[in-house]
Amino acid sequence: MKIISWNVAGLRSCFGKGLFDFMKNENADIYCFQEVKCQPNQFPRELNELKVYESFHSFAKKKGYSGVSVYTKVKPINVIYGIGNEVFDSEGRAVTLEFKNFFLVNAYFPHSNRELKRLKFKLQFNNHFLGFCKKLEKTKPVIIASDFNVAHTKIDLKNPKQNEKNAGFTKQEREWFDSFLKKGFIDTFREFNKEPGNYTWWTYRNNARERNIGWRVDYFVISEELRRRLKKSHILKDVFGSDHAPILIEMKWSLS
């Protein structure tokens, strides 16, 4: 089973930079997109005509903002929109698909913003999200595809010292991610690669991507009990179309 997650930074913009061909070439079982910035009538016609996939979306009330989408080859048993809190769900930050053996949660975490104006909001979202996932786990294990908007450790960004008080690398955000993993979740990429220099986001300024001055903020996180099913987790760093790179996970089972 192959799943790809990608913060597309505007689905229509990414579509114009090769998203459709990327999807056809990769032929993943599931695609999870974050920050799609679309309303229901704004998706490219070609994506709507991908008959091999069913699509599910959570839209932000604010136009041109946030939003997540899932394209799946296998029809889910059930779909859950949001995490059960209207304050967060109005921003279109999560959609969950239930399959036979697991839940797939596609989520887009808030950014703390400049001067950390939304740090409190983000930490509140984080805690609600944890509670939501632990509730799901009472039924079956969870696979989370997400832009968590946090670089977990010092090796997850190029310049940790300069960013200690900046959004995405504050002590509070990193400590929350620590506690999240300690609740029984696995950062799948680090099961295979413990080296620095592996990033998923680069600013468009100063040729940052070419110089690999980036952050790893996009993750596949899975329930501990799925560790034995984990086959592969890596970053598709050479795929362009967004300021983020797609990430990929393979699990040792079939969706059907």
Foldseek 3Di string as FASTA:
>chain_A
DKEKEEALLAQVLLVVVPPVVVCVVVVGQKYKYKQNQDDPVPDDPVVVPPVQWDKDKQAAPDGRAIIMMMTHNDAAPDKDQDLPDCVVSNRHFWMWGHFDAEIEIEGEADWLDPVSVCVVVRVVVLVSVLVSQVVRVVPHKYKYWYQSLAFQDPLQFDDLVVPQPPIRNDPVSNVSVVVSVVVFKDQLQCVPDDGGLAAFAFDPPPCCLVVSGHGHRTTIMIGNVQVVFWDDKGWPSPDDSHRGTMIMTGGNDDRD
